[in-house]
Amino acid sequence: MTKVLVIEDNERNRYLISFLLKGAGYEVIEAITGEEGIETAMRERPDLVLMDIQLPGIDGYEATRRIRASPADTKVPIIALTSNAMTGDRERALAAGCTGYIEKPINTDTIIGEIQKYLR
């Protein structure tokens, strides 16, 4: 079963994306902070990471850089899942090591298809 790590501090957002992923047959593991996300990525070795950018503690950019620098990085796709939609935010996420960028609020009808593109 494909394992997805959701790093998201907002309980409602975390519940929604986890609910959709589980409904699509994915195993979901969750983390609330950037630090917890790094530890979970190293321990669990997920197939994909959905990374919120605005996290308590270290932000998603720094968490992504640390995952990329760790032994956990086996080219795992890390997708920024964020409400940061200002000019340059996508480029900043990609420069930090994210594979892709999905804006919030998510479209519940298309999010699983968007995620699946990164798992091929």
PDB file of N, CA and C in Angstrom:
ATOM      1  N   MET A   1       0.847  -1.178   0.000  1.00  0.00           N
ATOM      2  CA  MET A   1       0.000   0.000   0.000  1.00  0.00           C
ATOM      3  C   MET A   1       0.896   1.245   0.000  1.00  0.00           C
ATOM      4  N   THR A   2       0.544   2.224  -0.802  1.00  0.00           N
ATOM      5  CA  THR A   2       1.301   3.462  -0.905  1.00  0.00           C
ATOM      6  C   THR A   2       1.110   4.287   0.362  1.00  0.00           C
ATOM      7  N   LYS A   3       2.235   4.734   0.927  1.00  0.00           N
ATOM      8  CA  LYS A   3       2.228   5.465   2.194  1.00  0.00           C
ATOM      9  C   LYS A   3       2.464   6.955   1.935  1.00  0.00           C
ATOM     10  N   VAL A   4       1.545   7.793   2.439  1.00  0.00           N
ATOM     11  CA  VAL A   4       1.648   9.240   2.273  1.00  0.00           C
ATOM     12  C   VAL A   4       1.777   9.887   3.646  1.00  0.00           C
ATOM     13  N   LEU A   5       2.800  10.715   3.799  1.00  0.00           N
ATOM     14  CA  LEU A   5       2.985  11.497   5.014  1.00  0.00           C
ATOM     15  C   LEU A   5       2.380  12.874   4.796  1.00  0.00           C
ATOM     16  N   VAL A   6       1.423  13.229   5.643  1.00  0.00           N
ATOM     17  CA  VAL A   6       0.777  14.544   5.590  1.00  0.00           C
ATOM     18  C   VAL A   6       1.330  15.371   6.751  1.00  0.00           C
ATOM     19  N   ILE A   7       2.060  16.437   6.435  1.00  0.00           N
ATOM     20  CA  ILE A   7       2.602  17.333   7.452  1.00  0.00           C
ATOM     21  C   ILE A   7       1.773  18.610   7.389  1.00  0.00           C
ATOM     22  N   GLU A   8       0.886  18.766   8.344  1.00  0.00           N
ATOM     23  CA  GLU A   8      -0.111  19.849   8.321  1.00  0.00           C
ATOM     24  C   GLU A   8      -0.507  20.166   9.756  1.00  0.00           C
ATOM     25  N   ASP A   9      -0.422  21.431  10.142  1.00  0.00           N
ATOM     26  CA  ASP A   9      -0.758  21.800  11.511  1.00  0.00           C
ATOM     27  C   ASP A   9      -2.235  22.108  11.713  1.00  0.00           C
ATOM     28  N   ASN A  10      -2.953  22.445  10.649  1.00  0.00           N
ATOM     29  CA  ASN A  10      -4.372  22.766  10.781  1.00  0.00           C
ATOM     30  C   ASN A  10      -5.183  21.479  10.822  1.00  0.00           C
ATOM     31  N   GLU A  11      -5.878  21.267  11.926  1.00  0.00           N
ATOM     32  CA  GLU A  11      -6.591  20.010  12.141  1.00  0.00           C
ATOM     33  C   GLU A  11      -7.624  19.732  11.050  1.00  0.00           C
ATOM     34  N   ARG A  12      -8.369  20.733  10.638  1.00  0.00           N
ATOM     35  CA  ARG A  12      -9.394  20.536   9.601  1.00  0.00           C
ATOM     36  C   ARG A  12      -8.773  20.163   8.263  1.00  0.00           C
ATOM     37  N   ASN A  13      -7.711  20.867   7.897  1.00  0.00           N
ATOM     38  CA  ASN A  13      -7.035  20.559   6.633  1.00  0.00           C
ATOM     39  C   ASN A  13      -6.431  19.158   6.665  1.00  0.00           C
ATOM     40  N   ARG A  14      -5.818  18.809   7.797  1.00  0.00           N
ATOM     41  CA  ARG A  14      -5.213  17.488   7.948  1.00  0.00           C
ATOM     42  C   ARG A  14      -6.272  16.400   7.858  1.00  0.00           C
ATOM     43  N   TYR A  15      -7.413  16.618   8.515  1.00  0.00           N
ATOM     44  CA  TYR A  15      -8.492  15.638   8.473  1.00  0.00           C
ATOM     45  C   TYR A  15      -9.000  15.464   7.038  1.00  0.00           C
ATOM     46  N   LEU A  16      -9.239  16.562   6.338  1.00  0.00           N
ATOM     47  CA  LEU A  16      -9.797  16.494   4.980  1.00  0.00           C
ATOM     48  C   LEU A  16      -8.867  15.751   4.028  1.00  0.00           C
ATOM     49  N   ILE A  17      -7.597  16.126   3.994  1.00  0.00           N
ATOM     50  CA  ILE A  17      -6.697  15.476   3.046  1.00  0.00           C
ATOM     51  C   ILE A  17      -6.486  14.018   3.425  1.00  0.00           C
ATOM     52  N   SER A  18      -6.414  13.726   4.724  1.00  0.00           N
ATOM     53  CA  SER A  18      -6.256  12.333   5.163  1.00  0.00           C
ATOM     54  C   SER A  18      -7.479  11.508   4.795  1.00  0.00           C
ATOM     55  N   PHE A  19      -8.657  12.068   4.980  1.00  0.00           N
ATOM     56  CA  PHE A  19      -9.908  11.391   4.637  1.00  0.00           C
ATOM     57  C   PHE A  19      -9.940  11.058   3.144  1.00  0.00           C
ATOM     58  N   LEU A  20      -9.577  12.012   2.312  1.00  0.00           N
ATOM     59  CA  LEU A  20      -9.583  11.799   0.865  1.00  0.00           C
ATOM     60  C   LEU A  20      -8.545  10.743   0.457  1.00  0.00           C
ATOM     61  N   LEU A  21      -7.366  10.821   1.039  1.00  0.00           N
ATOM     62  CA  LEU A  21      -6.318   9.851   0.709  1.00  0.00           C
ATOM     63  C   LEU A  21      -6.703   8.437   1.142  1.00  0.00           C
ATOM     64  N   LYS A  22      -7.219   8.300   2.353  1.00  0.00           N
ATOM     65  CA  LYS A  22      -7.635   6.977   2.833  1.00  0.00           C
ATOM     66  C   LYS A  22      -8.752   6.416   1.962  1.00  0.00           C
ATOM     67  N   GLY A  23      -9.675   7.279   1.547  1.00  0.00           N
ATOM     68  CA  GLY A  23     -10.769   6.857   0.671  1.00  0.00           C
ATOM     69  C   GLY A  23     -10.280   6.375  -0.686  1.00  0.00           C
ATOM     70  N   ALA A  24      -9.105   6.872  -1.093  1.00  0.00           N
ATOM     71  CA  ALA A  24      -8.519   6.471  -2.367  1.00  0.00           C
ATOM     72  C   ALA A  24      -7.575   5.275  -2.203  1.00  0.00           C
ATOM     73  N   GLY A  25      -7.495   4.725  -0.984  1.00  0.00           N
ATOM     74  CA  GLY A  25      -6.711   3.523  -0.771  1.00  0.00           C
ATOM     75  C   GLY A  25      -5.284   3.723  -0.306  1.00  0.00           C
ATOM     76  N   TYR A  26      -4.927   4.933   0.102  1.00  0.00           N
ATOM     77  CA  TYR A  26      -3.575   5.199   0.571  1.00  0.00           C
ATOM     78  C   TYR A  26      -3.476   4.984   2.075  1.00  0.00           C
ATOM     79  N   GLU A  27      -2.298   4.560   2.530  1.00  0.00           N
ATOM     80  CA  GLU A  27      -1.996   4.553   3.955  1.00  0.00           C
ATOM     81  C   GLU A  27      -1.527   5.960   4.303  1.00  0.00           C
ATOM     82  N   VAL A  28      -2.087   6.551   5.343  1.00  0.00           N
ATOM     83  CA  VAL A  28      -1.766   7.929   5.705  1.00  0.00           C
ATOM     84  C   VAL A  28      -1.109   7.960   7.078  1.00  0.00           C
ATOM     85  N   ILE A  29       0.008   8.664   7.150  1.00  0.00           N
ATOM     86  CA  ILE A  29       0.627   8.972   8.426  1.00  0.00           C
ATOM     87  C   ILE A  29       0.661  10.488   8.540  1.00  0.00           C
ATOM     88  N   GLU A  30       0.573  10.996   9.749  1.00  0.00           N
ATOM     89  CA  GLU A  30       0.427  12.429   9.945  1.00  0.00           C
ATOM     90  C   GLU A  30       1.488  12.985  10.874  1.00  0.00           C
ATOM     91  N   ALA A  31       1.818  14.247  10.647  1.00  0.00           N
ATOM     92  CA  ALA A  31       2.691  15.007  11.528  1.00  0.00           C
ATOM     93  C   ALA A  31       2.145  16.427  11.587  1.00  0.00           C
ATOM     94  N   ILE A  32       2.359  17.091  12.716  1.00  0.00           N
ATOM     95  CA  ILE A  32       1.785  18.422  12.921  1.00  0.00           C
ATOM     96  C   ILE A  32       2.826  19.534  12.790  1.00  0.00           C
ATOM     97  N   THR A  33       4.066  19.251  13.125  1.00  0.00           N
ATOM     98  CA  THR A  33       5.120  20.267  13.040  1.00  0.00           C
ATOM     99  C   THR A  33       6.173  19.832  12.019  1.00  0.00           C
ATOM    100  N   GLY A  34       6.998  20.780  11.625  1.00  0.00           N
ATOM    101  CA  GLY A  34       8.085  20.453  10.714  1.00  0.00           C
ATOM    102  C   GLY A  34       9.052  19.461  11.317  1.00  0.00           C
ATOM    103  N   GLU A  35       9.382  19.658  12.583  1.00  0.00           N
ATOM    104  CA  GLU A  35      10.308  18.750  13.260  1.00  0.00           C
ATOM    105  C   GLU A  35       9.744  17.332  13.320  1.00  0.00           C
ATOM    106  N   GLU A  36       8.466  17.225  13.680  1.00  0.00           N
ATOM    107  CA  GLU A  36       7.817  15.909  13.735  1.00  0.00           C
ATOM    108  C   GLU A  36       7.768  15.282  12.337  1.00  0.00           C
ATOM    109  N   GLY A  37       7.547  16.099  11.329  1.00  0.00           N
ATOM    110  CA  GLY A  37       7.508  15.608   9.956  1.00  0.00           C
ATOM    111  C   GLY A  37       8.835  15.021   9.514  1.00  0.00           C
ATOM    112  N   ILE A  38       9.938  15.684   9.877  1.00  0.00           N
ATOM    113  CA  ILE A  38      11.269  15.187   9.533  1.00  0.00           C
ATOM    114  C   ILE A  38      11.504  13.837  10.203  1.00  0.00           C
ATOM    115  N   GLU A  39      11.216  13.771  11.500  1.00  0.00           N
ATOM    116  CA  GLU A  39      11.409  12.523  12.242  1.00  0.00           C
ATOM    117  C   GLU A  39      10.562  11.398  11.658  1.00  0.00           C
ATOM    118  N   THR A  40       9.314  11.718  11.321  1.00  0.00           N
ATOM    119  CA  THR A  40       8.406  10.709  10.767  1.00  0.00           C
ATOM    120  C   THR A  40       8.878  10.252   9.397  1.00  0.00           C
ATOM    121  N   ALA A  41       9.352  11.179   8.573  1.00  0.00           N
ATOM    122  CA  ALA A  41       9.856  10.818   7.243  1.00  0.00           C
ATOM    123  C   ALA A  41      11.053   9.879   7.354  1.00  0.00           C
ATOM    124  N   MET A  42      11.933  10.143   8.300  1.00  0.00           N
ATOM    125  CA  MET A  42      13.113   9.292   8.455  1.00  0.00           C
ATOM    126  C   MET A  42      12.737   7.907   8.986  1.00  0.00           C
ATOM    127  N   ARG A  43      11.759   7.866   9.869  1.00  0.00           N
ATOM    128  CA  ARG A  43      11.348   6.586  10.471  1.00  0.00           C
ATOM    129  C   ARG A  43      10.473   5.757   9.534  1.00  0.00           C
ATOM    130  N   GLU A  44       9.510   6.406   8.880  1.00  0.00           N
ATOM    131  CA  GLU A  44       8.484   5.702   8.108  1.00  0.00           C
ATOM    132  C   GLU A  44       8.803   5.516   6.628  1.00  0.00           C
ATOM    133  N   ARG A  45       9.706   6.334   6.093  1.00  0.00           N
ATOM    134  CA  ARG A  45      10.071   6.259   4.665  1.00  0.00           C
ATOM    135  C   ARG A  45       8.832   6.255   3.756  1.00  0.00           C
ATOM    136  N   PRO A  46       8.060   7.341   3.763  1.00  0.00           N
ATOM    137  CA  PRO A  46       6.839   7.381   2.954  1.00  0.00           C
ATOM    138  C   PRO A  46       7.140   7.398   1.454  1.00  0.00           C
ATOM    139  N   ASP A  47       6.116   7.082   0.668  1.00  0.00           N
ATOM    140  CA  ASP A  47       6.230   7.128  -0.790  1.00  0.00           C
ATOM    141  C   ASP A  47       6.016   8.534  -1.328  1.00  0.00           C
ATOM    142  N   LEU A  48       5.380   9.393  -0.513  1.00  0.00           N
ATOM    143  CA  LEU A  48       5.101  10.774  -0.907  1.00  0.00           C
ATOM    144  C   LEU A  48       4.876  11.580   0.356  1.00  0.00           C
ATOM    145  N   VAL A  49       5.280  12.858   0.328  1.00  0.00           N
ATOM    146  CA  VAL A  49       5.055  13.768   1.445  1.00  0.00           C
ATOM    147  C   VAL A  49       4.243  14.953   0.953  1.00  0.00           C
ATOM    148  N   LEU A  50       3.177  15.267   1.681  1.00  0.00           N
ATOM    149  CA  LEU A  50       2.425  16.507   1.452  1.00  0.00           C
ATOM    150  C   LEU A  50       2.838  17.470   2.556  1.00  0.00           C
ATOM    151  N   MET A  51       3.461  18.580   2.176  1.00  0.00           N
ATOM    152  CA  MET A  51       4.105  19.491   3.118  1.00  0.00           C
ATOM    153  C   MET A  51       3.408  20.845   3.154  1.00  0.00           C
ATOM    154  N   ASP A  52       2.779  21.142   4.292  1.00  0.00           N
ATOM    155  CA  ASP A  52       2.290  22.499   4.511  1.00  0.00           C
ATOM    156  C   ASP A  52       3.521  23.395   4.653  1.00  0.00           C
ATOM    157  N   ILE A  53       3.416  24.635   4.266  1.00  0.00           N
ATOM    158  CA  ILE A  53       4.557  25.537   4.358  1.00  0.00           C
ATOM    159  C   ILE A  53       4.555  26.308   5.672  1.00  0.00           C
ATOM    160  N   GLN A  54       3.393  26.764   6.105  1.00  0.00           N
ATOM    161  CA  GLN A  54       3.306  27.540   7.346  1.00  0.00           C
ATOM    162  C   GLN A  54       3.049  26.599   8.515  1.00  0.00           C
ATOM    163  N   LEU A  55       4.135  26.175   9.154  1.00  0.00           N
ATOM    164  CA  LEU A  55       4.067  25.230  10.260  1.00  0.00           C
ATOM    165  C   LEU A  55       4.617  25.879  11.524  1.00  0.00           C
ATOM    166  N   PRO A  56       4.180  25.402  12.686  1.00  0.00           N
ATOM    167  CA  PRO A  56       4.815  25.885  13.923  1.00  0.00           C
ATOM    168  C   PRO A  56       6.236  25.333  14.002  1.00  0.00           C
ATOM    169  N   GLY A  57       7.107  26.047  14.661  1.00  0.00           N
ATOM    170  CA  GLY A  57       8.510  25.632  14.699  1.00  0.00           C
ATOM    171  C   GLY A  57       9.157  25.965  13.367  1.00  0.00           C
ATOM    172  N   ILE A  58       9.859  25.018  12.787  1.00  0.00           N
ATOM    173  CA  ILE A  58      10.470  25.281  11.483  1.00  0.00           C
ATOM    174  C   ILE A  58       9.388  25.208  10.400  1.00  0.00           C
ATOM    175  N   ASP A  59       9.527  26.031   9.386  1.00  0.00           N
ATOM    176  CA  ASP A  59       8.510  26.045   8.333  1.00  0.00           C
ATOM    177  C   ASP A  59       8.717  24.904   7.343  1.00  0.00           C
ATOM    178  N   GLY A  60       7.796  24.774   6.421  1.00  0.00           N
ATOM    179  CA  GLY A  60       7.843  23.690   5.453  1.00  0.00           C
ATOM    180  C   GLY A  60       9.039  23.752   4.511  1.00  0.00           C
ATOM    181  N   TYR A  61       9.523  24.955   4.242  1.00  0.00           N
ATOM    182  CA  TYR A  61      10.713  25.075   3.398  1.00  0.00           C
ATOM    183  C   TYR A  61      11.908  24.420   4.092  1.00  0.00           C
ATOM    184  N   GLU A  62      12.099  24.768   5.366  1.00  0.00           N
ATOM    185  CA  GLU A  62      13.236  24.217   6.112  1.00  0.00           C
ATOM    186  C   GLU A  62      13.063  22.717   6.353  1.00  0.00           C
ATOM    187  N   ALA A  63      11.832  22.292   6.649  1.00  0.00           N
ATOM    188  CA  ALA A  63      11.577  20.859   6.839  1.00  0.00           C
ATOM    189  C   ALA A  63      11.904  20.093   5.556  1.00  0.00           C
ATOM    190  N   THR A  64      11.546  20.659   4.419  1.00  0.00           N
ATOM    191  CA  THR A  64      11.857  20.021   3.134  1.00  0.00           C
ATOM    192  C   THR A  64      13.359  19.921   2.933  1.00  0.00           C
ATOM    193  N   ARG A  65      14.073  21.015   3.194  1.00  0.00           N
ATOM    194  CA  ARG A  65      15.540  20.990   3.045  1.00  0.00           C
ATOM    195  C   ARG A  65      16.162  19.929   3.942  1.00  0.00           C
ATOM    196  N   ARG A  66      15.668  19.797   5.163  1.00  0.00           N
ATOM    197  CA  ARG A  66      16.241  18.816   6.100  1.00  0.00           C
ATOM    198  C   ARG A  66      15.907  17.377   5.682  1.00  0.00           C
ATOM    199  N   ILE A  67      14.719  17.161   5.159  1.00  0.00           N
ATOM    200  CA  ILE A  67      14.388  15.819   4.656  1.00  0.00           C
ATOM    201  C   ILE A  67      15.294  15.484   3.479  1.00  0.00           C
ATOM    202  N   ARG A  68      15.487  16.445   2.596  1.00  0.00           N
ATOM    203  CA  ARG A  68      16.343  16.225   1.426  1.00  0.00           C
ATOM    204  C   ARG A  68      17.791  15.932   1.831  1.00  0.00           C
ATOM    205  N   ALA A  69      18.229  16.492   2.946  1.00  0.00           N
ATOM    206  CA  ALA A  69      19.610  16.303   3.395  1.00  0.00           C
ATOM    207  C   ALA A  69      19.773  15.060   4.260  1.00  0.00           C
ATOM    208  N   SER A  70      18.672  14.406   4.599  1.00  0.00           N
ATOM    209  CA  SER A  70      18.716  13.263   5.512  1.00  0.00           C
ATOM    210  C   SER A  70      18.807  11.944   4.759  1.00  0.00           C
ATOM    211  N   PRO A  71      19.096  10.870   5.485  1.00  0.00           N
ATOM    212  CA  PRO A  71      19.084   9.542   4.870  1.00  0.00           C
ATOM    213  C   PRO A  71      17.683   9.128   4.401  1.00  0.00           C
ATOM    214  N   ALA A  72      16.643   9.838   4.846  1.00  0.00           N
ATOM    215  CA  ALA A  72      15.268   9.499   4.448  1.00  0.00           C
ATOM    216  C   ALA A  72      15.001   9.848   2.992  1.00  0.00           C
ATOM    217  N   ASP A  73      15.808  10.733   2.429  1.00  0.00           N
ATOM    218  CA  ASP A  73      15.543  11.179   1.060  1.00  0.00           C
ATOM    219  C   ASP A  73      16.014  10.156   0.050  1.00  0.00           C
ATOM    220  N   THR A  74      15.085   9.409  -0.448  1.00  0.00           N
ATOM    221  CA  THR A  74      15.369   8.481  -1.544  1.00  0.00           C
ATOM    222  C   THR A  74      14.637   8.975  -2.784  1.00  0.00           C
ATOM    223  N   LYS A  75      14.682  10.268  -2.967  1.00  0.00           N
ATOM    224  CA  LYS A  75      13.974  10.918  -4.077  1.00  0.00           C
ATOM    225  C   LYS A  75      12.463  10.898  -3.870  1.00  0.00           C
ATOM    226  N   VAL A  76      12.047  10.837  -2.604  1.00  0.00           N
ATOM    227  CA  VAL A  76      10.627  10.858  -2.295  1.00  0.00           C
ATOM    228  C   VAL A  76      10.021  12.177  -2.801  1.00  0.00           C
ATOM    229  N   PRO A  77       8.895  12.112  -3.506  1.00  0.00           N
ATOM    230  CA  PRO A  77       8.246  13.353  -3.922  1.00  0.00           C
ATOM    231  C   PRO A  77       7.729  14.107  -2.693  1.00  0.00           C
ATOM    232  N   ILE A  78       8.061  15.385  -2.612  1.00  0.00           N
ATOM    233  CA  ILE A  78       7.544  16.256  -1.555  1.00  0.00           C
ATOM    234  C   ILE A  78       6.735  17.342  -2.252  1.00  0.00           C
ATOM    235  N   ILE A  79       5.446  17.375  -1.948  1.00  0.00           N
ATOM    236  CA  ILE A  79       4.542  18.329  -2.586  1.00  0.00           C
ATOM    237  C   ILE A  79       4.166  19.403  -1.583  1.00  0.00           C
ATOM    238  N   ALA A  80       4.463  20.652  -1.902  1.00  0.00           N
ATOM    239  CA  ALA A  80       4.026  21.767  -1.063  1.00  0.00           C
ATOM    240  C   ALA A  80       2.514  21.871  -1.213  1.00  0.00           C
ATOM    241  N   LEU A  81       1.827  21.838  -0.100  1.00  0.00           N
ATOM    242  CA  LEU A  81       0.367  21.954  -0.074  1.00  0.00           C
ATOM    243  C   LEU A  81       0.087  23.174   0.785  1.00  0.00           C
ATOM    244  N   THR A  82      -0.144  24.320   0.150  1.00  0.00           N
ATOM    245  CA  THR A  82      -0.096  25.564   0.905  1.00  0.00           C
ATOM    246  C   THR A  82      -1.047  26.632   0.390  1.00  0.00           C
ATOM    247  N   SER A  83      -1.401  27.518   1.309  1.00  0.00           N
ATOM    248  CA  SER A  83      -2.207  28.674   0.935  1.00  0.00           C
ATOM    249  C   SER A  83      -1.308  29.833   0.520  1.00  0.00           C
ATOM    250  N   ASN A  84       0.018  29.662   0.604  1.00  0.00           N
ATOM    251  CA  ASN A  84       0.946  30.683   0.108  1.00  0.00           C
ATOM    252  C   ASN A  84       0.810  30.731  -1.405  1.00  0.00           C
ATOM    253  N   ALA A  85       0.210  31.774  -1.905  1.00  0.00           N
ATOM    254  CA  ALA A  85      -0.014  31.857  -3.345  1.00  0.00           C
ATOM    255  C   ALA A  85       0.452  33.200  -3.892  1.00  0.00           C
ATOM    256  N   MET A  86       1.465  33.743  -3.273  1.00  0.00           N
ATOM    257  CA  MET A  86       2.013  35.013  -3.728  1.00  0.00           C
ATOM    258  C   MET A  86       3.034  34.752  -4.836  1.00  0.00           C
ATOM    259  N   THR A  87       3.362  35.779  -5.558  1.00  0.00           N
ATOM    260  CA  THR A  87       4.363  35.671  -6.604  1.00  0.00           C
ATOM    261  C   THR A  87       5.669  35.153  -5.998  1.00  0.00           C
ATOM    262  N   GLY A  88       6.214  34.121  -6.585  1.00  0.00           N
ATOM    263  CA  GLY A  88       7.480  33.567  -6.146  1.00  0.00           C
ATOM    264  C   GLY A  88       7.366  32.426  -5.151  1.00  0.00           C
ATOM    265  N   ASP A  89       6.175  32.185  -4.586  1.00  0.00           N
ATOM    266  CA  ASP A  89       6.030  31.113  -3.588  1.00  0.00           C
ATOM    267  C   ASP A  89       6.269  29.732  -4.195  1.00  0.00           C
ATOM    268  N   ARG A  90       5.747  29.504  -5.385  1.00  0.00           N
ATOM    269  CA  ARG A  90       5.977  28.220  -6.050  1.00  0.00           C
ATOM    270  C   ARG A  90       7.473  28.005  -6.281  1.00  0.00           C
ATOM    271  N   GLU A  91       8.143  29.014  -6.774  1.00  0.00           N
ATOM    272  CA  GLU A  91       9.569  28.914  -7.054  1.00  0.00           C
ATOM    273  C   GLU A  91      10.371  28.688  -5.769  1.00  0.00           C
ATOM    274  N   ARG A  92       9.952  29.344  -4.695  1.00  0.00           N
ATOM    275  CA  ARG A  92      10.639  29.177  -3.407  1.00  0.00           C
ATOM    276  C   ARG A  92      10.473  27.746  -2.898  1.00  0.00           C
ATOM    277  N   ALA A  93       9.276  27.175  -3.054  1.00  0.00           N
ATOM    278  CA  ALA A  93       9.034  25.794  -2.633  1.00  0.00           C
ATOM    279  C   ALA A  93       9.893  24.830  -3.454  1.00  0.00           C
ATOM    280  N   LEU A  94       9.947  25.035  -4.746  1.00  0.00           N
ATOM    281  CA  LEU A  94      10.748  24.170  -5.614  1.00  0.00           C
ATOM    282  C   LEU A  94      12.238  24.311  -5.298  1.00  0.00           C
ATOM    283  N   ALA A  95      12.680  25.532  -5.010  1.00  0.00           N
ATOM    284  CA  ALA A  95      14.085  25.762  -4.673  1.00  0.00           C
ATOM    285  C   ALA A  95      14.460  25.090  -3.355  1.00  0.00           C
ATOM    286  N   ALA A  96      13.498  24.955  -2.442  1.00  0.00           N
ATOM    287  CA  ALA A  96      13.750  24.297  -1.154  1.00  0.00           C
ATOM    288  C   ALA A  96      13.831  22.781  -1.309  1.00  0.00           C
ATOM    289  N   GLY A  97      13.379  22.271  -2.460  1.00  0.00           N
ATOM    290  CA  GLY A  97      13.452  20.829  -2.695  1.00  0.00           C
ATOM    291  C   GLY A  97      12.121  20.160  -2.940  1.00  0.00           C
ATOM    292  N   CYS A  98      11.044  20.949  -2.958  1.00  0.00           N
ATOM    293  CA  CYS A  98       9.736  20.355  -3.252  1.00  0.00           C
ATOM    294  C   CYS A  98       9.680  19.919  -4.709  1.00  0.00           C
ATOM    295  N   THR A  99       8.966  18.836  -4.938  1.00  0.00           N
ATOM    296  CA  THR A  99       8.788  18.280  -6.276  1.00  0.00           C
ATOM    297  C   THR A  99       7.662  18.979  -7.006  1.00  0.00           C
ATOM    298  N   GLY A 100       6.670  19.435  -6.248  1.00  0.00           N
ATOM    299  CA  GLY A 100       5.500  20.071  -6.822  1.00  0.00           C
ATOM    300  C   GLY A 100       4.857  21.007  -5.826  1.00  0.00           C
ATOM    301  N   TYR A 101       3.758  21.625  -6.266  1.00  0.00           N
ATOM    302  CA  TYR A 101       3.126  22.697  -5.500  1.00  0.00           C
ATOM    303  C   TYR A 101       1.632  22.644  -5.769  1.00  0.00           C
ATOM    304  N   ILE A 102       0.831  22.499  -4.720  1.00  0.00           N
ATOM    305  CA  ILE A 102      -0.621  22.501  -4.842  1.00  0.00           C
ATOM    306  C   ILE A 102      -1.160  23.574  -3.903  1.00  0.00           C
ATOM    307  N   GLU A 103      -1.988  24.466  -4.434  1.00  0.00           N
ATOM    308  CA  GLU A 103      -2.540  25.558  -3.630  1.00  0.00           C
ATOM    309  C   GLU A 103      -3.772  25.115  -2.856  1.00  0.00           C
ATOM    310  N   LYS A 104      -3.926  25.684  -1.670  1.00  0.00           N
ATOM    311  CA  LYS A 104      -5.141  25.545  -0.871  1.00  0.00           C
ATOM    312  C   LYS A 104      -6.019  26.759  -1.171  1.00  0.00           C
ATOM    313  N   PRO A 105      -7.292  26.657  -1.042  1.00  0.00           N
ATOM    314  CA  PRO A 105      -7.995  25.449  -0.635  1.00  0.00           C
ATOM    315  C   PRO A 105      -7.937  24.397  -1.745  1.00  0.00           C
ATOM    316  N   ILE A 106      -7.853  23.141  -1.325  1.00  0.00           N
ATOM    317  CA  ILE A 106      -7.746  22.069  -2.302  1.00  0.00           C
ATOM    318  C   ILE A 106      -9.096  21.833  -2.972  1.00  0.00           C
ATOM    319  N   ASN A 107      -9.044  21.328  -4.180  1.00  0.00           N
ATOM    320  CA  ASN A 107     -10.244  20.931  -4.898  1.00  0.00           C
ATOM    321  C   ASN A 107     -10.447  19.445  -4.608  1.00  0.00           C
ATOM    322  N   THR A 108     -11.478  19.123  -3.853  1.00  0.00           N
ATOM    323  CA  THR A 108     -11.698  17.732  -3.436  1.00  0.00           C
ATOM    324  C   THR A 108     -11.969  16.811  -4.621  1.00  0.00           C
ATOM    325  N   ASP A 109     -12.392  17.361  -5.743  1.00  0.00           N
ATOM    326  CA  ASP A 109     -12.671  16.545  -6.923  1.00  0.00           C
ATOM    327  C   ASP A 109     -11.410  16.176  -7.704  1.00  0.00           C
ATOM    328  N   THR A 110     -10.344  16.961  -7.554  1.00  0.00           N
ATOM    329  CA  THR A 110      -9.157  16.744  -8.378  1.00  0.00           C
ATOM    330  C   THR A 110      -7.877  16.454  -7.597  1.00  0.00           C
ATOM    331  N   ILE A 111      -7.888  16.615  -6.286  1.00  0.00           N
ATOM    332  CA  ILE A 111      -6.653  16.499  -5.508  1.00  0.00           C
ATOM    333  C   ILE A 111      -6.004  15.123  -5.628  1.00  0.00           C
ATOM    334  N   ILE A 112      -6.782  14.054  -5.611  1.00  0.00           N
ATOM    335  CA  ILE A 112      -6.195  12.714  -5.685  1.00  0.00           C
ATOM    336  C   ILE A 112      -5.503  12.522  -7.035  1.00  0.00           C
ATOM    337  N   GLY A 113      -6.115  12.986  -8.098  1.00  0.00           N
ATOM    338  CA  GLY A 113      -5.494  12.910  -9.421  1.00  0.00           C
ATOM    339  C   GLY A 113      -4.194  13.698  -9.479  1.00  0.00           C
ATOM    340  N   GLU A 114      -4.170  14.872  -8.837  1.00  0.00           N
ATOM    341  CA  GLU A 114      -2.944  15.674  -8.805  1.00  0.00           C
ATOM    342  C   GLU A 114      -1.843  14.936  -8.054  1.00  0.00           C
ATOM    343  N   ILE A 115      -2.195  14.337  -6.933  1.00  0.00           N
ATOM    344  CA  ILE A 115      -1.221  13.604  -6.128  1.00  0.00           C
ATOM    345  C   ILE A 115      -0.686  12.396  -6.885  1.00  0.00           C
ATOM    346  N   GLN A 116      -1.575  11.683  -7.578  1.00  0.00           N
ATOM    347  CA  GLN A 116      -1.173  10.469  -8.306  1.00  0.00           C
ATOM    348  C   GLN A 116      -0.133  10.763  -9.381  1.00  0.00           C
ATOM    349  N   LYS A 117      -0.135  11.959  -9.932  1.00  0.00           N
ATOM    350  CA  LYS A 117       0.848  12.331 -10.945  1.00  0.00           C
ATOM    351  C   LYS A 117       2.275  12.225 -10.410  1.00  0.00           C
ATOM    352  N   TYR A 118       2.438  12.467  -9.114  1.00  0.00           N
ATOM    353  CA  TYR A 118       3.771  12.463  -8.506  1.00  0.00           C
ATOM    354  C   TYR A 118       4.201  11.063  -8.054  1.00  0.00           C
ATOM    355  N   LEU A 119       3.295  10.113  -8.102  1.00  0.00           N
ATOM    356  CA  LEU A 119       3.608   8.755  -7.679  1.00  0.00           C
ATOM    357  C   LEU A 119       3.935   7.838  -8.846  1.00  0.00           C
ATOM    358  N   ARG A 120       3.871   8.346 -10.054  1.00  0.00           N
ATOM    359  CA  ARG A 120       4.167   7.527 -11.235  1.00  0.00           C
ATOM    360  C   ARG A 120       5.638   7.507 -11.524  1.00  0.00           C
TER     361      ARG A 120
END
